[in-house]
PDB file of N, CA and C in Angstrom:
ATOM      1  N   MET A   1      54.573 162.138 210.264  1.00  0.00           N
ATOM      2  CA  MET A   1      54.275 162.041 208.776  1.00  0.00           C
ATOM      3  C   MET A   1      54.195 162.993 208.199  1.00  0.00           C
ATOM      4  N   LEU A   2      52.293 163.326 208.065  1.00  0.00           N
ATOM      5  CA  LEU A   2      52.137 163.974 206.774  1.00  0.00           C
ATOM      6  C   LEU A   2      52.743 165.555 207.607  1.00  0.00           C
ATOM      7  N   GLY A   3      51.970 165.787 208.536  1.00  0.00           N
ATOM      8  CA  GLY A   3      52.531 166.634 209.974  1.00  0.00           C
ATOM      9  C   GLY A   3      53.101 167.417 208.680  1.00  0.00           C
ATOM     10  N   SER A   4      54.154 166.757 209.797  1.00  0.00           N
ATOM     11  CA  SER A   4      55.846 166.523 208.759  1.00  0.00           C
ATOM     12  C   SER A   4      55.628 167.368 207.619  1.00  0.00           C
ATOM     13  N   LEU A   5      55.626 166.161 205.800  1.00  0.00           N
ATOM     14  CA  LEU A   5      55.559 166.212 205.018  1.00  0.00           C
ATOM     15  C   LEU A   5      54.334 168.302 204.850  1.00  0.00           C
ATOM     16  N   LEU A   6      53.050 168.258 205.871  1.00  0.00           N
ATOM     17  CA  LEU A   6      52.599 169.701 204.824  1.00  0.00           C
ATOM     18  C   LEU A   6      52.979 171.037 205.296  1.00  0.00           C
ATOM     19  N   ALA A   7      54.112 170.819 206.510  1.00  0.00           N
ATOM     20  CA  ALA A   7      54.991 171.844 206.858  1.00  0.00           C
ATOM     21  C   ALA A   7      55.742 171.971 206.594  1.00  0.00           C
ATOM     22  N   ARG A   8      57.160 171.411 206.126  1.00  0.00           N
ATOM     23  CA  ARG A   8      57.580 172.152 205.098  1.00  0.00           C
ATOM     24  C   ARG A   8      57.720 172.003 203.227  1.00  0.00           C
ATOM     25  N   LEU A   9      56.039 171.665 203.014  1.00  0.00           N
ATOM     26  CA  LEU A   9      55.588 172.472 202.116  1.00  0.00           C
ATOM     27  C   LEU A   9      54.615 173.850 202.336  1.00  0.00           C
ATOM     28  N   ARG A  10      54.577 174.376 203.108  1.00  0.00           N
ATOM     29  CA  ARG A  10      53.643 175.265 203.854  1.00  0.00           C
ATOM     30  C   ARG A  10      55.103 177.063 204.457  1.00  0.00           C
ATOM     31  N   ARG A  11      56.098 175.855 204.595  1.00  0.00           N
ATOM     32  CA  ARG A  11      57.949 176.790 204.329  1.00  0.00           C
ATOM     33  C   ARG A  11      58.197 176.741 203.208  1.00  0.00           C
ATOM     34  N   ARG A  12      57.351 176.398 202.078  1.00  0.00           N
ATOM     35  CA  ARG A  12      58.662 176.462 200.787  1.00  0.00           C
ATOM     36  C   ARG A  12      59.570 177.764 200.062  1.00  0.00           C
ATOM     37  N   THR A  13      59.774 178.359 200.470  1.00  0.00           N
ATOM     38  CA  THR A  13      60.350 179.660 199.588  1.00  0.00           C
ATOM     39  C   THR A  13      59.784 180.192 198.482  1.00  0.00           C
ATOM     40  N   PRO A  14      59.461 180.644 198.081  1.00  0.00           N
ATOM     41  CA  PRO A  14      58.083 180.827 196.896  1.00  0.00           C
ATOM     42  C   PRO A  14      59.319 181.343 195.300  1.00  0.00           C
ATOM     43  N   PHE A  15      58.353 181.349 194.623  1.00  0.00           N
ATOM     44  CA  PHE A  15      59.256 181.888 193.217  1.00  0.00           C
ATOM     45  C   PHE A  15      60.187 182.522 192.756  1.00  0.00           C
ATOM     46  N   GLN A  16      61.384 182.482 192.837  1.00  0.00           N
ATOM     47  CA  GLN A  16      61.656 184.262 193.054  1.00  0.00           C
ATOM     48  C   GLN A  16      63.423 184.444 191.211  1.00  0.00           C
ATOM     49  N   PRO A  17      62.145 185.549 190.945  1.00  0.00           N
ATOM     50  CA  PRO A  17      62.358 185.335 189.425  1.00  0.00           C
ATOM     51  C   PRO A  17      63.828 186.477 188.987  1.00  0.00           C
ATOM     52  N   ARG A  18      64.712 185.816 187.853  1.00  0.00           N
ATOM     53  CA  ARG A  18      66.113 186.208 188.287  1.00  0.00           C
ATOM     54  C   ARG A  18      66.065 186.319 186.230  1.00  0.00           C
ATOM     55  N   ALA A  19      66.607 188.019 185.919  1.00  0.00           N
ATOM     56  CA  ALA A  19      66.889 187.964 184.944  1.00  0.00           C
ATOM     57  C   ALA A  19      66.810 186.706 183.584  1.00  0.00           C
ATOM     58  N   GLY A  20      66.688 186.445 182.890  1.00  0.00           N
ATOM     59  CA  GLY A  20      67.276 186.006 181.802  1.00  0.00           C
ATOM     60  C   GLY A  20      66.296 184.495 181.159  1.00  0.00           C
ATOM     61  N   GLN A  21      65.616 184.663 183.460  1.00  0.00           N
ATOM     62  CA  GLN A  21      64.363 182.823 182.427  1.00  0.00           C
ATOM     63  C   GLN A  21      64.113 183.499 181.485  1.00  0.00           C
ATOM     64  N   LEU A  22      63.060 182.262 180.681  1.00  0.00           N
ATOM     65  CA  LEU A  22      61.276 182.342 180.046  1.00  0.00           C
ATOM     66  C   LEU A  22      61.255 181.566 180.948  1.00  0.00           C
ATOM     67  N   LEU A  23      59.396 181.823 180.878  1.00  0.00           N
ATOM     68  CA  LEU A  23      58.541 181.294 181.938  1.00  0.00           C
ATOM     69  C   LEU A  23      57.237 180.678 181.314  1.00  0.00           C
ATOM     70  N   SER A  24      56.299 180.452 181.233  1.00  0.00           N
ATOM     71  CA  SER A  24      54.856 180.158 180.941  1.00  0.00           C
ATOM     72  C   SER A  24      54.103 180.309 181.578  1.00  0.00           C
ATOM     73  N   VAL A  25      53.427 181.738 180.844  1.00  0.00           N
ATOM     74  CA  VAL A  25      52.299 182.486 182.252  1.00  0.00           C
ATOM     75  C   VAL A  25      50.715 181.991 181.181  1.00  0.00           C
ATOM     76  N   VAL A  26      50.537 182.396 182.016  1.00  0.00           N
ATOM     77  CA  VAL A  26      49.213 182.824 181.874  1.00  0.00           C
ATOM     78  C   VAL A  26      48.359 183.298 181.675  1.00  0.00           C
ATOM     79  N   ALA A  27      47.724 183.352 180.523  1.00  0.00           N
ATOM     80  CA  ALA A  27      47.963 183.954 179.507  1.00  0.00           C
ATOM     81  C   ALA A  27      45.909 184.833 179.878  1.00  0.00           C
ATOM     82  N   GLU A  28      45.744 186.213 179.235  1.00  0.00           N
ATOM     83  CA  GLU A  28      44.651 186.128 179.502  1.00  0.00           C
ATOM     84  C   GLU A  28      43.744 186.280 178.099  1.00  0.00           C
ATOM     85  N   GLY A  29      42.491 185.617 179.010  1.00  0.00           N
ATOM     86  CA  GLY A  29      41.702 184.919 177.479  1.00  0.00           C
ATOM     87  C   GLY A  29      41.521 183.751 178.061  1.00  0.00           C
ATOM     88  N   GLY A  30      42.741 183.089 178.237  1.00  0.00           N
ATOM     89  CA  GLY A  30      42.930 181.718 178.680  1.00  0.00           C
ATOM     90  C   GLY A  30      44.162 180.976 177.997  1.00  0.00           C
ATOM     91  N   GLY A  31      44.123 180.074 178.336  1.00  0.00           N
ATOM     92  CA  GLY A  31      45.567 179.412 177.541  1.00  0.00           C
ATOM     93  C   GLY A  31      47.030 180.103 178.508  1.00  0.00           C
ATOM     94  N   PHE A  32      48.354 180.116 177.799  1.00  0.00           N
ATOM     95  CA  PHE A  32      49.072 180.320 177.370  1.00  0.00           C
ATOM     96  C   PHE A  32      50.159 181.213 177.174  1.00  0.00           C
ATOM     97  N   ALA A  33      50.962 182.062 177.924  1.00  0.00           N
ATOM     98  CA  ALA A  33      52.579 182.794 176.395  1.00  0.00           C
ATOM     99  C   ALA A  33      53.444 182.393 177.364  1.00  0.00           C
ATOM    100  N   VAL A  34      54.045 183.036 177.376  1.00  0.00           N
ATOM    101  CA  VAL A  34      55.581 182.894 177.464  1.00  0.00           C
ATOM    102  C   VAL A  34      56.344 184.983 177.788  1.00  0.00           C
ATOM    103  N   MET A  35      56.547 184.484 178.818  1.00  0.00           N
ATOM    104  CA  MET A  35      56.964 185.883 179.093  1.00  0.00           C
ATOM    105  C   MET A  35      59.068 186.058 179.552  1.00  0.00           C
ATOM    106  N   LYS A  36      59.376 186.354 179.092  1.00  0.00           N
ATOM    107  CA  LYS A  36      60.962 186.877 179.695  1.00  0.00           C
ATOM    108  C   LYS A  36      60.990 187.572 180.913  1.00  0.00           C
ATOM    109  N   VAL A  37      62.020 186.783 181.557  1.00  0.00           N
ATOM    110  CA  VAL A  37      62.556 187.953 183.188  1.00  0.00           C
ATOM    111  C   VAL A  37      63.582 188.890 182.525  1.00  0.00           C
ATOM    112  N   LEU A  38      63.390 190.317 182.308  1.00  0.00           N
ATOM    113  CA  LEU A  38      63.749 191.446 181.495  1.00  0.00           C
ATOM    114  C   LEU A  38      65.098 192.614 182.796  1.00  0.00           C
ATOM    115  N   ALA A  39      64.382 191.456 184.386  1.00  0.00           N
ATOM    116  CA  ALA A  39      65.377 192.375 185.670  1.00  0.00           C
ATOM    117  C   ALA A  39      64.322 192.399 185.845  1.00  0.00           C
ATOM    118  N   VAL A  40      64.880 192.059 187.531  1.00  0.00           N
ATOM    119  CA  VAL A  40      63.872 192.060 188.940  1.00  0.00           C
ATOM    120  C   VAL A  40      64.465 193.309 189.387  1.00  0.00           C
ATOM    121  N   ASP A  41      63.661 193.816 190.087  1.00  0.00           N
ATOM    122  CA  ASP A  41      64.210 194.792 191.610  1.00  0.00           C
ATOM    123  C   ASP A  41      62.650 195.042 192.437  1.00  0.00           C
ATOM    124  N   ALA A  42      63.592 195.142 193.509  1.00  0.00           N
ATOM    125  CA  ALA A  42      62.957 195.199 195.142  1.00  0.00           C
ATOM    126  C   ALA A  42      60.871 196.141 194.741  1.00  0.00           C
ATOM    127  N   GLY A  43      60.876 197.054 193.019  1.00  0.00           N
ATOM    128  CA  GLY A  43      59.842 196.830 193.470  1.00  0.00           C
ATOM    129  C   GLY A  43      58.731 195.780 192.535  1.00  0.00           C
ATOM    130  N   GLY A  44      59.237 194.474 191.711  1.00  0.00           N
ATOM    131  CA  GLY A  44      58.510 194.597 190.771  1.00  0.00           C
ATOM    132  C   GLY A  44      60.259 192.749 190.100  1.00  0.00           C
ATOM    133  N   VAL A  45      59.289 193.082 188.510  1.00  0.00           N
ATOM    134  CA  VAL A  45      59.781 192.249 187.767  1.00  0.00           C
ATOM    135  C   VAL A  45      59.284 192.966 186.924  1.00  0.00           C
ATOM    136  N   HIS A  46      59.890 192.835 186.081  1.00  0.00           N
ATOM    137  CA  HIS A  46      60.369 193.686 184.457  1.00  0.00           C
ATOM    138  C   HIS A  46      60.846 192.321 183.461  1.00  0.00           C
ATOM    139  N   GLY A  47      59.550 192.555 182.814  1.00  0.00           N
ATOM    140  CA  GLY A  47      59.012 191.282 181.358  1.00  0.00           C
ATOM    141  C   GLY A  47      58.721 191.619 179.753  1.00  0.00           C
ATOM    142  N   ARG A  48      59.579 190.416 179.573  1.00  0.00           N
ATOM    143  CA  ARG A  48      58.290 190.623 177.938  1.00  0.00           C
ATOM    144  C   ARG A  48      57.634 189.565 177.181  1.00  0.00           C
ATOM    145  N   LEU A  49      56.640 189.922 176.484  1.00  0.00           N
ATOM    146  CA  LEU A  49      54.781 188.751 176.773  1.00  0.00           C
ATOM    147  C   LEU A  49      55.469 188.947 175.642  1.00  0.00           C
ATOM    148  N   TYR A  50      55.391 188.008 174.888  1.00  0.00           N
ATOM    149  CA  TYR A  50      55.967 187.065 173.559  1.00  0.00           C
ATOM    150  C   TYR A  50      53.678 187.165 172.630  1.00  0.00           C
ATOM    151  N   VAL A  51      53.849 187.528 172.165  1.00  0.00           N
ATOM    152  CA  VAL A  51      52.715 187.216 171.290  1.00  0.00           C
ATOM    153  C   VAL A  51      51.959 186.221 171.372  1.00  0.00           C
ATOM    154  N   GLN A  52      52.388 185.131 170.656  1.00  0.00           N
ATOM    155  CA  GLN A  52      51.972 183.368 170.455  1.00  0.00           C
ATOM    156  C   GLN A  52      51.553 183.096 171.471  1.00  0.00           C
ATOM    157  N   ARG A  53      50.406 181.771 171.945  1.00  0.00           N
ATOM    158  CA  ARG A  53      49.851 181.925 172.863  1.00  0.00           C
ATOM    159  C   ARG A  53      49.444 180.397 172.009  1.00  0.00           C
ATOM    160  N   PHE A  54      49.411 179.304 173.285  1.00  0.00           N
ATOM    161  CA  PHE A  54      48.748 178.258 173.091  1.00  0.00           C
ATOM    162  C   PHE A  54      48.365 177.575 174.100  1.00  0.00           C
ATOM    163  N   ALA A  55      47.976 176.014 174.400  1.00  0.00           N
ATOM    164  CA  ALA A  55      46.977 174.999 174.873  1.00  0.00           C
ATOM    165  C   ALA A  55      46.502 174.925 175.926  1.00  0.00           C
ATOM    166  N   ALA A  56      47.650 174.529 175.599  1.00  0.00           N
ATOM    167  CA  ALA A  56      48.735 173.763 177.702  1.00  0.00           C
ATOM    168  C   ALA A  56      49.914 174.509 177.756  1.00  0.00           C
ATOM    169  N   ARG A  57      50.940 174.512 178.683  1.00  0.00           N
ATOM    170  CA  ARG A  57      52.293 175.424 178.994  1.00  0.00           C
ATOM    171  C   ARG A  57      52.916 175.021 178.138  1.00  0.00           C
ATOM    172  N   PRO A  58      53.166 175.699 177.794  1.00  0.00           N
ATOM    173  CA  PRO A  58      54.848 175.222 176.414  1.00  0.00           C
ATOM    174  C   PRO A  58      55.772 174.968 177.069  1.00  0.00           C
ATOM    175  N   SER A  59      57.164 173.766 176.829  1.00  0.00           N
ATOM    176  CA  SER A  59      57.731 174.673 176.589  1.00  0.00           C
ATOM    177  C   SER A  59      59.011 174.792 176.094  1.00  0.00           C
ATOM    178  N   MET A  60      60.524 174.475 176.232  1.00  0.00           N
ATOM    179  CA  MET A  60      61.441 175.699 174.891  1.00  0.00           C
ATOM    180  C   MET A  60      61.196 174.790 173.660  1.00  0.00           C
ATOM    181  N   ALA A  61      61.124 173.316 174.172  1.00  0.00           N
ATOM    182  CA  ALA A  61      61.146 173.019 172.422  1.00  0.00           C
ATOM    183  C   ALA A  61      59.536 173.514 172.045  1.00  0.00           C
ATOM    184  N   ASP A  62      57.976 174.089 172.258  1.00  0.00           N
ATOM    185  CA  ASP A  62      57.167 173.631 171.877  1.00  0.00           C
ATOM    186  C   ASP A  62      57.344 175.929 171.231  1.00  0.00           C
ATOM    187  N   ALA A  63      58.111 176.777 172.138  1.00  0.00           N
ATOM    188  CA  ALA A  63      58.693 177.975 172.234  1.00  0.00           C
ATOM    189  C   ALA A  63      58.969 178.589 170.887  1.00  0.00           C
ATOM    190  N   GLY A  64      59.712 177.825 169.683  1.00  0.00           N
ATOM    191  CA  GLY A  64      60.464 178.264 168.793  1.00  0.00           C
ATOM    192  C   GLY A  64      60.611 179.531 168.359  1.00  0.00           C
ATOM    193  N   GLU A  65      60.538 180.537 167.772  1.00  0.00           N
ATOM    194  CA  GLU A  65      60.491 181.900 167.430  1.00  0.00           C
ATOM    195  C   GLU A  65      59.726 182.658 167.633  1.00  0.00           C
ATOM    196  N   LEU A  66      60.335 183.731 169.122  1.00  0.00           N
ATOM    197  CA  LEU A  66      59.031 184.132 170.144  1.00  0.00           C
ATOM    198  C   LEU A  66      59.324 185.972 169.477  1.00  0.00           C
ATOM    199  N   GLU A  67      58.287 186.319 169.626  1.00  0.00           N
ATOM    200  CA  GLU A  67      58.412 187.934 168.698  1.00  0.00           C
ATOM    201  C   GLU A  67      57.108 188.315 169.757  1.00  0.00           C
ATOM    202  N   VAL A  68      57.196 189.788 169.482  1.00  0.00           N
ATOM    203  CA  VAL A  68      55.818 191.050 169.893  1.00  0.00           C
ATOM    204  C   VAL A  68      55.916 191.328 168.828  1.00  0.00           C
ATOM    205  N   ALA A  69      54.918 191.407 168.655  1.00  0.00           N
ATOM    206  CA  ALA A  69      53.316 192.460 167.559  1.00  0.00           C
ATOM    207  C   ALA A  69      52.708 193.218 168.448  1.00  0.00           C
ATOM    208  N   PRO A  70      52.595 194.455 167.349  1.00  0.00           N
ATOM    209  CA  PRO A  70      51.659 195.242 167.590  1.00  0.00           C
ATOM    210  C   PRO A  70      50.795 195.134 167.854  1.00  0.00           C
ATOM    211  N   PHE A  71      49.750 195.209 168.462  1.00  0.00           N
ATOM    212  CA  PHE A  71      48.329 195.781 169.789  1.00  0.00           C
ATOM    213  C   PHE A  71      47.544 197.111 169.219  1.00  0.00           C
ATOM    214  N   GLY A  72      46.580 196.565 168.902  1.00  0.00           N
ATOM    215  CA  GLY A  72      45.390 197.212 169.016  1.00  0.00           C
ATOM    216  C   GLY A  72      44.411 196.713 167.258  1.00  0.00           C
ATOM    217  N   PRO A  73      43.006 197.757 167.641  1.00  0.00           N
ATOM    218  CA  PRO A  73      42.026 197.390 167.099  1.00  0.00           C
ATOM    219  C   PRO A  73      42.464 196.812 165.481  1.00  0.00           C
ATOM    220  N   GLU A  74      43.145 197.873 165.649  1.00  0.00           N
ATOM    221  CA  GLU A  74      43.591 197.473 163.929  1.00  0.00           C
ATOM    222  C   GLU A  74      44.934 195.976 163.794  1.00  0.00           C
ATOM    223  N   HIS A  75      45.030 195.501 164.655  1.00  0.00           N
ATOM    224  CA  HIS A  75      46.530 194.760 164.089  1.00  0.00           C
ATOM    225  C   HIS A  75      45.625 193.191 165.262  1.00  0.00           C
ATOM    226  N   ASP A  76      45.251 191.575 164.325  1.00  0.00           N
ATOM    227  CA  ASP A  76      45.030 190.948 164.334  1.00  0.00           C
ATOM    228  C   ASP A  76      45.743 190.137 165.302  1.00  0.00           C
ATOM    229  N   ALA A  77      46.195 190.101 166.896  1.00  0.00           N
ATOM    230  CA  ALA A  77      47.409 190.001 167.351  1.00  0.00           C
ATOM    231  C   ALA A  77      46.777 189.843 168.483  1.00  0.00           C
ATOM    232  N   PRO A  78      47.543 188.378 169.799  1.00  0.00           N
ATOM    233  CA  PRO A  78      46.953 188.253 171.469  1.00  0.00           C
ATOM    234  C   PRO A  78      48.041 189.626 171.812  1.00  0.00           C
ATOM    235  N   PHE A  79      47.945 190.341 172.457  1.00  0.00           N
ATOM    236  CA  PHE A  79      48.474 191.327 174.028  1.00  0.00           C
ATOM    237  C   PHE A  79      49.774 190.857 173.532  1.00  0.00           C
ATOM    238  N   SER A  80      50.955 191.294 173.830  1.00  0.00           N
ATOM    239  CA  SER A  80      52.741 191.345 173.607  1.00  0.00           C
ATOM    240  C   SER A  80      52.751 192.668 174.068  1.00  0.00           C
ATOM    241  N   ILE A  81      54.130 192.034 174.451  1.00  0.00           N
ATOM    242  CA  ILE A  81      54.939 194.097 175.019  1.00  0.00           C
ATOM    243  C   ILE A  81      56.090 193.812 174.974  1.00  0.00           C
ATOM    244  N   GLY A  82      57.265 194.814 174.557  1.00  0.00           N
ATOM    245  CA  GLY A  82      58.702 194.547 174.429  1.00  0.00           C
ATOM    246  C   GLY A  82      59.135 194.395 176.355  1.00  0.00           C
ATOM    247  N   HIS A  83      58.616 195.781 177.357  1.00  0.00           N
ATOM    248  CA  HIS A  83      58.787 195.835 178.546  1.00  0.00           C
ATOM    249  C   HIS A  83      57.523 196.291 179.571  1.00  0.00           C
ATOM    250  N   MET A  84      56.938 195.102 180.414  1.00  0.00           N
ATOM    251  CA  MET A  84      55.827 195.134 181.444  1.00  0.00           C
ATOM    252  C   MET A  84      56.232 195.829 182.299  1.00  0.00           C
ATOM    253  N   PRO A  85      56.561 196.443 183.189  1.00  0.00           N
ATOM    254  CA  PRO A  85      56.835 196.125 184.399  1.00  0.00           C
ATOM    255  C   PRO A  85      55.325 196.398 185.486  1.00  0.00           C
ATOM    256  N   LEU A  86      56.226 195.193 186.258  1.00  0.00           N
ATOM    257  CA  LEU A  86      54.800 194.070 187.112  1.00  0.00           C
ATOM    258  C   LEU A  86      55.387 195.054 188.610  1.00  0.00           C
ATOM    259  N   SER A  87      53.780 194.655 189.796  1.00  0.00           N
ATOM    260  CA  SER A  87      54.470 194.332 190.870  1.00  0.00           C
ATOM    261  C   SER A  87      55.118 192.870 190.825  1.00  0.00           C
ATOM    262  N   HIS A  88      55.498 192.772 192.397  1.00  0.00           N
ATOM    263  CA  HIS A  88      55.720 191.308 192.534  1.00  0.00           C
ATOM    264  C   HIS A  88      54.248 190.973 192.834  1.00  0.00           C
ATOM    265  N   ARG A  89      53.935 191.301 193.621  1.00  0.00           N
ATOM    266  CA  ARG A  89      52.357 190.854 193.292  1.00  0.00           C
ATOM    267  C   ARG A  89      51.175 190.845 192.179  1.00  0.00           C
ATOM    268  N   ALA A  90      52.383 191.210 190.765  1.00  0.00           N
ATOM    269  CA  ALA A  90      50.794 191.189 189.958  1.00  0.00           C
ATOM    270  C   ALA A  90      51.696 190.065 189.199  1.00  0.00           C
ATOM    271  N   PHE A  91      53.330 189.816 188.899  1.00  0.00           N
ATOM    272  CA  PHE A  91      53.399 189.014 188.522  1.00  0.00           C
ATOM    273  C   PHE A  91      53.248 187.430 188.734  1.00  0.00           C
ATOM    274  N   ALA A  92      52.966 186.899 190.176  1.00  0.00           N
ATOM    275  CA  ALA A  92      52.589 185.963 190.304  1.00  0.00           C
ATOM    276  C   ALA A  92      51.263 185.621 189.945  1.00  0.00           C
ATOM    277  N   SER A  93      50.610 186.696 189.952  1.00  0.00           N
ATOM    278  CA  SER A  93      48.992 186.532 189.011  1.00  0.00           C
ATOM    279  C   SER A  93      49.079 185.290 187.923  1.00  0.00           C
ATOM    280  N   PHE A  94      50.309 185.715 187.143  1.00  0.00           N
ATOM    281  CA  PHE A  94      50.328 184.881 186.503  1.00  0.00           C
ATOM    282  C   PHE A  94      50.385 183.656 186.226  1.00  0.00           C
ATOM    283  N   GLN A  95      51.072 183.824 187.163  1.00  0.00           N
ATOM    284  CA  GLN A  95      51.382 181.256 187.914  1.00  0.00           C
ATOM    285  C   GLN A  95      52.730 181.635 187.109  1.00  0.00           C
ATOM    286  N   PRO A  96      53.583 181.540 186.870  1.00  0.00           N
ATOM    287  CA  PRO A  96      54.354 182.056 186.155  1.00  0.00           C
ATOM    288  C   PRO A  96      54.941 180.703 186.195  1.00  0.00           C
ATOM    289  N   GLN A  97      55.579 179.626 184.919  1.00  0.00           N
ATOM    290  CA  GLN A  97      56.117 177.987 185.968  1.00  0.00           C
ATOM    291  C   GLN A  97      57.589 178.222 184.804  1.00  0.00           C
ATOM    292  N   VAL A  98      59.255 178.084 185.405  1.00  0.00           N
ATOM    293  CA  VAL A  98      60.059 178.222 184.366  1.00  0.00           C
ATOM    294  C   VAL A  98      60.849 176.855 183.487  1.00  0.00           C
ATOM    295  N   MET A  99      60.541 177.448 181.934  1.00  0.00           N
ATOM    296  CA  MET A  99      60.669 176.879 180.840  1.00  0.00           C
ATOM    297  C   MET A  99      62.106 176.435 180.839  1.00  0.00           C
ATOM    298  N   GLY A 100      62.827 177.601 180.811  1.00  0.00           N
ATOM    299  CA  GLY A 100      64.415 178.096 180.029  1.00  0.00           C
ATOM    300  C   GLY A 100      65.140 179.195 180.389  1.00  0.00           C
ATOM    301  N   GLU A 101      66.754 179.175 180.055  1.00  0.00           N
ATOM    302  CA  GLU A 101      66.872 180.096 180.910  1.00  0.00           C
ATOM    303  C   GLU A 101      67.603 181.129 178.871  1.00  0.00           C
ATOM    304  N   GLN A 102      67.532 182.568 178.296  1.00  0.00           N
ATOM    305  CA  GLN A 102      68.131 182.635 178.010  1.00  0.00           C
ATOM    306  C   GLN A 102      68.863 184.142 177.963  1.00  0.00           C
ATOM    307  N   PRO A 103      70.410 184.519 177.475  1.00  0.00           N
ATOM    308  CA  PRO A 103      70.974 185.494 177.759  1.00  0.00           C
ATOM    309  C   PRO A 103      69.326 187.290 177.838  1.00  0.00           C
ATOM    310  N   VAL A 104      69.809 188.732 178.732  1.00  0.00           N
ATOM    311  CA  VAL A 104      68.876 189.434 178.478  1.00  0.00           C
ATOM    312  C   VAL A 104      70.133 189.939 177.618  1.00  0.00           C
ATOM    313  N   THR A 105      69.066 190.550 176.370  1.00  0.00           N
ATOM    314  CA  THR A 105      70.500 191.764 175.435  1.00  0.00           C
ATOM    315  C   THR A 105      69.873 193.049 175.662  1.00  0.00           C
ATOM    316  N   GLU A 106      70.818 194.108 175.391  1.00  0.00           N
ATOM    317  CA  GLU A 106      70.695 195.175 175.292  1.00  0.00           C
ATOM    318  C   GLU A 106      68.972 195.641 174.268  1.00  0.00           C
ATOM    319  N   GLU A 107      69.480 194.982 173.452  1.00  0.00           N
ATOM    320  CA  GLU A 107      67.865 196.040 172.851  1.00  0.00           C
ATOM    321  C   GLU A 107      66.749 194.879 172.997  1.00  0.00           C
ATOM    322  N   GLU A 108      66.202 193.985 173.682  1.00  0.00           N
ATOM    323  CA  GLU A 108      65.465 193.838 174.446  1.00  0.00           C
ATOM    324  C   GLU A 108      64.678 194.854 176.340  1.00  0.00           C
ATOM    325  N   LEU A 109      66.685 195.670 176.678  1.00  0.00           N
ATOM    326  CA  LEU A 109      66.239 196.291 177.949  1.00  0.00           C
ATOM    327  C   LEU A 109      66.088 198.189 177.237  1.00  0.00           C
ATOM    328  N   ASP A 110      65.714 198.206 175.888  1.00  0.00           N
ATOM    329  CA  ASP A 110      65.043 199.340 175.165  1.00  0.00           C
ATOM    330  C   ASP A 110      64.044 200.318 176.009  1.00  0.00           C
ATOM    331  N   GLY A 111      63.242 199.013 177.358  1.00  0.00           N
ATOM    332  CA  GLY A 111      61.662 199.803 177.240  1.00  0.00           C
ATOM    333  C   GLY A 111      62.144 200.015 178.867  1.00  0.00           C
ATOM    334  N   TRP A 112      62.718 199.243 179.282  1.00  0.00           N
ATOM    335  CA  TRP A 112      63.631 199.092 180.678  1.00  0.00           C
ATOM    336  C   TRP A 112      64.425 200.118 180.147  1.00  0.00           C
ATOM    337  N   HIS A 113      64.352 200.641 180.576  1.00  0.00           N
ATOM    338  CA  HIS A 113      65.467 202.458 179.995  1.00  0.00           C
ATOM    339  C   HIS A 113      64.440 203.631 180.033  1.00  0.00           C
ATOM    340  N   MET A 114      64.000 203.422 179.348  1.00  0.00           N
ATOM    341  CA  MET A 114      62.451 204.139 179.356  1.00  0.00           C
ATOM    342  C   MET A 114      61.986 204.834 180.350  1.00  0.00           C
ATOM    343  N   TRP A 115      61.259 203.444 180.745  1.00  0.00           N
ATOM    344  CA  TRP A 115      61.066 203.050 182.332  1.00  0.00           C
ATOM    345  C   TRP A 115      61.569 204.114 183.513  1.00  0.00           C
ATOM    346  N   ARG A 116      62.835 203.189 183.069  1.00  0.00           N
ATOM    347  CA  ARG A 116      63.388 203.779 184.256  1.00  0.00           C
ATOM    348  C   ARG A 116      63.872 204.385 184.473  1.00  0.00           C
ATOM    349  N   ASP A 117      64.070 205.709 183.059  1.00  0.00           N
ATOM    350  CA  ASP A 117      64.823 207.090 182.981  1.00  0.00           C
ATOM    351  C   ASP A 117      63.179 207.570 183.751  1.00  0.00           C
ATOM    352  N   ALA A 118      62.139 207.571 183.172  1.00  0.00           N
ATOM    353  CA  ALA A 118      60.730 208.575 182.681  1.00  0.00           C
ATOM    354  C   ALA A 118      59.922 207.933 184.996  1.00  0.00           C
ATOM    355  N   SER A 119      61.477 207.645 185.109  1.00  0.00           N
ATOM    356  CA  SER A 119      60.815 207.267 186.708  1.00  0.00           C
ATOM    357  C   SER A 119      59.338 206.167 187.223  1.00  0.00           C
ATOM    358  N   GLY A 120      58.986 205.315 186.197  1.00  0.00           N
ATOM    359  CA  GLY A 120      57.640 204.396 185.658  1.00  0.00           C
ATOM    360  C   GLY A 120      57.485 203.598 187.098  1.00  0.00           C
ATOM    361  N   GLY A 121      56.233 203.325 187.355  1.00  0.00           N
ATOM    362  CA  GLY A 121      56.072 202.604 188.084  1.00  0.00           C
ATOM    363  C   GLY A 121      55.757 201.160 187.642  1.00  0.00           C
ATOM    364  N   TYR A 122      54.628 200.445 188.368  1.00  0.00           N
ATOM    365  CA  TYR A 122      54.100 199.655 188.169  1.00  0.00           C
ATOM    366  C   TYR A 122      52.617 199.163 188.448  1.00  0.00           C
ATOM    367  N   PHE A 123      52.720 197.608 186.997  1.00  0.00           N
ATOM    368  CA  PHE A 123      51.166 197.331 187.343  1.00  0.00           C
ATOM    369  C   PHE A 123      50.565 196.343 188.580  1.00  0.00           C
TER     370      PHE A 123
END
């Protein structure tokens, strides 16, 4: 019985992200952040990383009003970005967990359009 259960767990399908999912992800430097999946293609996952940071994995109730903030030495804010093209492997390293879903807006896709038009790569 235990062997059968372990075999089923090993066959489990890996997480399949889809556009509109809000995910809690492991943040650089510790803690957690929220990422929205903008698009998924054969090369990877296109995400929007919000500036808010949390000590524990957030839920939709914790997320509140999510923002992308300027980043750099002149700004005192954690890293956030409107469009981040991640290879499937890089995306998985964030250890994503689904919090909920929201429709992707055209405004949120501005960076994705620029990336596509420039034939951009993935991190």
